[in-house]
Amino acid sequence: MTNKNYIYYINDIKSKLSSIETSVTEAHSLADISDKPEIEKLMVDIQSLKNTLNEID
């Protein structure tokens, strides 16, 4: 895989993660209080993955 393709795929993944993050944030705002901790954990996991991708890039 060429470096250009590699960067393209990393950026594509970041873009998709941002869309997922937006949806999860909206779900968090609409969720019952009892469900919020589970959604918050998912938000932390998404942010961790984004940070890892930023380190790779």
PDB file of N, CA and C in Angstrom:
ATOM      1  N   MET A   1       0.850  -1.168   0.000  1.00  0.00           N
ATOM      2  CA  MET A   1       0.000   0.000   0.000  1.00  0.00           C
ATOM      3  C   MET A   1       0.899   1.235   0.000  1.00  0.00           C
ATOM      4  N   THR A   2       0.603   2.152  -0.879  1.00  0.00           N
ATOM      5  CA  THR A   2       1.407   3.367  -0.937  1.00  0.00           C
ATOM      6  C   THR A   2       1.056   4.273   0.229  1.00  0.00           C
ATOM      7  N   ASN A   3       1.963   5.174   0.533  1.00  0.00           N
ATOM      8  CA  ASN A   3       1.753   6.106   1.634  1.00  0.00           C
ATOM      9  C   ASN A   3       0.509   6.960   1.400  1.00  0.00           C
ATOM     10  N   LYS A   4       0.285   7.351   0.148  1.00  0.00           N
ATOM     11  CA  LYS A   4      -0.882   8.174  -0.174  1.00  0.00           C
ATOM     12  C   LYS A   4      -2.175   7.415   0.134  1.00  0.00           C
ATOM     13  N   ASN A   5      -2.231   6.144  -0.251  1.00  0.00           N
ATOM     14  CA  ASN A   5      -3.414   5.331   0.045  1.00  0.00           C
ATOM     15  C   ASN A   5      -3.591   5.143   1.545  1.00  0.00           C
ATOM     16  N   TYR A   6      -2.498   4.925   2.229  1.00  0.00           N
ATOM     17  CA  TYR A   6      -2.519   4.738   3.676  1.00  0.00           C
ATOM     18  C   TYR A   6      -3.134   5.957   4.356  1.00  0.00           C
ATOM     19  N   ILE A   7      -2.675   7.127   3.990  1.00  0.00           N
ATOM     20  CA  ILE A   7      -3.192   8.367   4.578  1.00  0.00           C
ATOM     21  C   ILE A   7      -4.666   8.543   4.231  1.00  0.00           C
ATOM     22  N   TYR A   8      -5.025   8.216   2.993  1.00  0.00           N
ATOM     23  CA  TYR A   8      -6.427   8.319   2.575  1.00  0.00           C
ATOM     24  C   TYR A   8      -7.306   7.445   3.471  1.00  0.00           C
ATOM     25  N   TYR A   9      -6.894   6.212   3.702  1.00  0.00           N
ATOM     26  CA  TYR A   9      -7.698   5.299   4.508  1.00  0.00           C
ATOM     27  C   TYR A   9      -7.767   5.741   5.968  1.00  0.00           C
ATOM     28  N   ILE A  10      -6.689   6.222   6.500  1.00  0.00           N
ATOM     29  CA  ILE A  10      -6.699   6.736   7.876  1.00  0.00           C
ATOM     30  C   ILE A  10      -7.672   7.903   7.984  1.00  0.00           C
ATOM     31  N   ASN A  11      -7.613   8.825   7.038  1.00  0.00           N
ATOM     32  CA  ASN A  11      -8.523   9.975   7.058  1.00  0.00           C
ATOM     33  C   ASN A  11      -9.972   9.549   6.866  1.00  0.00           C
ATOM     34  N   ASP A  12     -10.198   8.545   6.044  1.00  0.00           N
ATOM     35  CA  ASP A  12     -11.551   8.033   5.840  1.00  0.00           C
ATOM     36  C   ASP A  12     -12.099   7.433   7.138  1.00  0.00           C
ATOM     37  N   ILE A  13     -11.273   6.694   7.833  1.00  0.00           N
ATOM     38  CA  ILE A  13     -11.687   6.117   9.117  1.00  0.00           C
ATOM     39  C   ILE A  13     -11.995   7.230  10.114  1.00  0.00           C
ATOM     40  N   LYS A  14     -11.157   8.254  10.169  1.00  0.00           N
ATOM     41  CA  LYS A  14     -11.395   9.379  11.078  1.00  0.00           C
ATOM     42  C   LYS A  14     -12.725  10.054  10.776  1.00  0.00           C
ATOM     43  N   SER A  15     -13.020  10.231   9.506  1.00  0.00           N
ATOM     44  CA  SER A  15     -14.276  10.858   9.103  1.00  0.00           C
ATOM     45  C   SER A  15     -15.476  10.024   9.545  1.00  0.00           C
ATOM     46  N   LYS A  16     -15.387   8.739   9.348  1.00  0.00           N
ATOM     47  CA  LYS A  16     -16.479   7.852   9.749  1.00  0.00           C
ATOM     48  C   LYS A  16     -16.635   7.836  11.271  1.00  0.00           C
ATOM     49  N   LEU A  17     -15.529   7.861  11.978  1.00  0.00           N
ATOM     50  CA  LEU A  17     -15.596   7.906  13.442  1.00  0.00           C
ATOM     51  C   LEU A  17     -16.239   9.196  13.928  1.00  0.00           C
ATOM     52  N   SER A  18     -15.975  10.292  13.248  1.00  0.00           N
ATOM     53  CA  SER A  18     -16.602  11.561  13.620  1.00  0.00           C
ATOM     54  C   SER A  18     -18.115  11.489  13.449  1.00  0.00           C
ATOM     55  N   SER A  19     -18.566  10.844  12.396  1.00  0.00           N
ATOM     56  CA  SER A  19     -20.006  10.667  12.185  1.00  0.00           C
ATOM     57  C   SER A  19     -20.609   9.795  13.284  1.00  0.00           C
ATOM     58  N   ILE A  20     -19.906   8.735  13.624  1.00  0.00           N
ATOM     59  CA  ILE A  20     -20.371   7.859  14.697  1.00  0.00           C
ATOM     60  C   ILE A  20     -20.409   8.626  16.011  1.00  0.00           C
ATOM     61  N   GLU A  21     -19.378   9.405  16.263  1.00  0.00           N
ATOM     62  CA  GLU A  21     -19.301  10.185  17.499  1.00  0.00           C
ATOM     63  C   GLU A  21     -20.482  11.150  17.607  1.00  0.00           C
ATOM     64  N   THR A  22     -20.852  11.769  16.504  1.00  0.00           N
ATOM     65  CA  THR A  22     -21.997  12.679  16.491  1.00  0.00           C
ATOM     66  C   THR A  22     -23.280  11.934  16.851  1.00  0.00           C
ATOM     67  N   SER A  23     -23.462  10.766  16.286  1.00  0.00           N
ATOM     68  CA  SER A  23     -24.657   9.962  16.572  1.00  0.00           C
ATOM     69  C   SER A  23     -24.691   9.515  18.032  1.00  0.00           C
ATOM     70  N   VAL A  24     -23.547   9.111  18.541  1.00  0.00           N
ATOM     71  CA  VAL A  24     -23.478   8.660  19.932  1.00  0.00           C
ATOM     72  C   VAL A  24     -23.737   9.830  20.882  1.00  0.00           C
ATOM     73  N   THR A  25     -23.233  11.000  20.546  1.00  0.00           N
ATOM     74  CA  THR A  25     -23.479  12.188  21.370  1.00  0.00           C
ATOM     75  C   THR A  25     -24.969  12.513  21.405  1.00  0.00           C
ATOM     76  N   GLU A  26     -25.616  12.412  20.263  1.00  0.00           N
ATOM     77  CA  GLU A  26     -27.060  12.645  20.211  1.00  0.00           C
ATOM     78  C   GLU A  26     -27.801  11.592  21.026  1.00  0.00           C
ATOM     79  N   ALA A  27     -27.389  10.346  20.901  1.00  0.00           N
ATOM     80  CA  ALA A  27     -28.012   9.273  21.680  1.00  0.00           C
ATOM     81  C   ALA A  27     -27.846   9.533  23.175  1.00  0.00           C
ATOM     82  N   HIS A  28     -26.690  10.029  23.561  1.00  0.00           N
ATOM     83  CA  HIS A  28     -26.429  10.336  24.967  1.00  0.00           C
ATOM     84  C   HIS A  28     -27.398  11.395  25.476  1.00  0.00           C
ATOM     85  N   SER A  29     -27.636  12.410  24.656  1.00  0.00           N
ATOM     86  CA  SER A  29     -28.527  13.485  25.096  1.00  0.00           C
ATOM     87  C   SER A  29     -29.976  13.007  25.213  1.00  0.00           C
ATOM     88  N   LEU A  30     -30.346  11.971  24.482  1.00  0.00           N
ATOM     89  CA  LEU A  30     -31.718  11.464  24.502  1.00  0.00           C
ATOM     90  C   LEU A  30     -31.909  10.266  25.434  1.00  0.00           C
ATOM     91  N   ALA A  31     -30.829   9.717  25.923  1.00  0.00           N
ATOM     92  CA  ALA A  31     -30.891   8.477  26.713  1.00  0.00           C
ATOM     93  C   ALA A  31     -31.417   8.717  28.123  1.00  0.00           C
ATOM     94  N   ASP A  32     -31.971   7.649  28.668  1.00  0.00           N
ATOM     95  CA  ASP A  32     -32.353   7.666  30.075  1.00  0.00           C
ATOM     96  C   ASP A  32     -31.093   7.766  30.925  1.00  0.00           C
ATOM     97  N   ILE A  33     -31.245   8.297  32.111  1.00  0.00           N
ATOM     98  CA  ILE A  33     -30.101   8.473  33.012  1.00  0.00           C
ATOM     99  C   ILE A  33     -29.405   7.138  33.273  1.00  0.00           C
ATOM    100  N   SER A  34     -30.167   6.073  33.381  1.00  0.00           N
ATOM    101  CA  SER A  34     -29.566   4.762  33.670  1.00  0.00           C
ATOM    102  C   SER A  34     -28.706   4.247  32.515  1.00  0.00           C
ATOM    103  N   ASP A  35     -28.954   4.730  31.306  1.00  0.00           N
ATOM    104  CA  ASP A  35     -28.189   4.284  30.136  1.00  0.00           C
ATOM    105  C   ASP A  35     -26.975   5.158  29.834  1.00  0.00           C
ATOM    106  N   LYS A  36     -26.923   6.339  30.419  1.00  0.00           N
ATOM    107  CA  LYS A  36     -25.857   7.287  30.089  1.00  0.00           C
ATOM    108  C   LYS A  36     -24.446   6.769  30.381  1.00  0.00           C
ATOM    109  N   PRO A  37     -24.196   6.072  31.492  1.00  0.00           N
ATOM    110  CA  PRO A  37     -22.825   5.588  31.737  1.00  0.00           C
ATOM    111  C   PRO A  37     -22.296   4.664  30.639  1.00  0.00           C
ATOM    112  N   GLU A  38     -23.154   3.810  30.119  1.00  0.00           N
ATOM    113  CA  GLU A  38     -22.725   2.901  29.055  1.00  0.00           C
ATOM    114  C   GLU A  38     -22.385   3.687  27.782  1.00  0.00           C
ATOM    115  N   ILE A  39     -23.187   4.687  27.483  1.00  0.00           N
ATOM    116  CA  ILE A  39     -22.931   5.521  26.301  1.00  0.00           C
ATOM    117  C   ILE A  39     -21.665   6.346  26.509  1.00  0.00           C
ATOM    118  N   GLU A  40     -21.453   6.839  27.725  1.00  0.00           N
ATOM    119  CA  GLU A  40     -20.240   7.609  28.019  1.00  0.00           C
ATOM    120  C   GLU A  40     -18.990   6.748  27.849  1.00  0.00           C
ATOM    121  N   LYS A  41     -19.081   5.473  28.227  1.00  0.00           N
ATOM    122  CA  LYS A  41     -17.945   4.567  28.022  1.00  0.00           C
ATOM    123  C   LYS A  41     -17.657   4.424  26.529  1.00  0.00           C
ATOM    124  N   LEU A  42     -18.698   4.290  25.741  1.00  0.00           N
ATOM    125  CA  LEU A  42     -18.536   4.203  24.293  1.00  0.00           C
ATOM    126  C   LEU A  42     -17.894   5.478  23.746  1.00  0.00           C
ATOM    127  N   MET A  43     -18.284   6.628  24.274  1.00  0.00           N
ATOM    128  CA  MET A  43     -17.704   7.901  23.836  1.00  0.00           C
ATOM    129  C   MET A  43     -16.203   7.948  24.143  1.00  0.00           C
ATOM    130  N   VAL A  44     -15.819   7.455  25.295  1.00  0.00           N
ATOM    131  CA  VAL A  44     -14.407   7.411  25.670  1.00  0.00           C
ATOM    132  C   VAL A  44     -13.645   6.466  24.743  1.00  0.00           C
ATOM    133  N   ASP A  45     -14.242   5.325  24.435  1.00  0.00           N
ATOM    134  CA  ASP A  45     -13.597   4.370  23.525  1.00  0.00           C
ATOM    135  C   ASP A  45     -13.404   4.964  22.132  1.00  0.00           C
ATOM    136  N   ILE A  46     -14.399   5.682  21.650  1.00  0.00           N
ATOM    137  CA  ILE A  46     -14.290   6.321  20.333  1.00  0.00           C
ATOM    138  C   ILE A  46     -13.175   7.358  20.352  1.00  0.00           C
ATOM    139  N   GLN A  47     -13.115   8.160  21.399  1.00  0.00           N
ATOM    140  CA  GLN A  47     -12.073   9.182  21.496  1.00  0.00           C
ATOM    141  C   GLN A  47     -10.692   8.541  21.568  1.00  0.00           C
ATOM    142  N   SER A  48     -10.587   7.444  22.272  1.00  0.00           N
ATOM    143  CA  SER A  48      -9.313   6.731  22.359  1.00  0.00           C
ATOM    144  C   SER A  48      -8.874   6.231  20.989  1.00  0.00           C
ATOM    145  N   LEU A  49      -9.801   5.685  20.238  1.00  0.00           N
ATOM    146  CA  LEU A  49      -9.488   5.216  18.887  1.00  0.00           C
ATOM    147  C   LEU A  49      -9.068   6.378  17.990  1.00  0.00           C
ATOM    148  N   LYS A  50      -9.752   7.510  18.102  1.00  0.00           N
ATOM    149  CA  LYS A  50      -9.377   8.686  17.308  1.00  0.00           C
ATOM    150  C   LYS A  50      -7.975   9.165  17.679  1.00  0.00           C
ATOM    151  N   ASN A  51      -7.658   9.143  18.960  1.00  0.00           N
ATOM    152  CA  ASN A  51      -6.318   9.544  19.396  1.00  0.00           C
ATOM    153  C   ASN A  51      -5.257   8.601  18.836  1.00  0.00           C
ATOM    154  N   THR A  52      -5.548   7.317  18.847  1.00  0.00           N
ATOM    155  CA  THR A  52      -4.616   6.342  18.283  1.00  0.00           C
ATOM    156  C   THR A  52      -4.388   6.603  16.800  1.00  0.00           C
ATOM    157  N   LEU A  53      -5.454   6.872  16.065  1.00  0.00           N
ATOM    158  CA  LEU A  53      -5.318   7.172  14.638  1.00  0.00           C
ATOM    159  C   LEU A  53      -4.506   8.444  14.409  1.00  0.00           C
ATOM    160  N   ASN A  54      -4.687   9.432  15.274  1.00  0.00           N
ATOM    161  CA  ASN A  54      -3.905  10.668  15.150  1.00  0.00           C
ATOM    162  C   ASN A  54      -2.421  10.413  15.384  1.00  0.00           C
ATOM    163  N   GLU A  55      -2.110   9.505  16.292  1.00  0.00           N
ATOM    164  CA  GLU A  55      -0.710   9.166  16.548  1.00  0.00           C
ATOM    165  C   GLU A  55      -0.094   8.432  15.359  1.00  0.00           C
ATOM    166  N   ILE A  56      -0.882   7.609  14.705  1.00  0.00           N
ATOM    167  CA  ILE A  56      -0.400   6.865  13.536  1.00  0.00           C
ATOM    168  C   ILE A  56      -0.159   7.801  12.367  1.00  0.00           C
ATOM    169  N   ASP A  57      -1.070   8.742  12.182  1.00  0.00           N
ATOM    170  CA  ASP A  57      -1.047   9.641  11.029  1.00  0.00           C
ATOM    171  C   ASP A  57       0.097  10.566  11.072  1.00  0.00           C
TER     172      ASP A  57
END
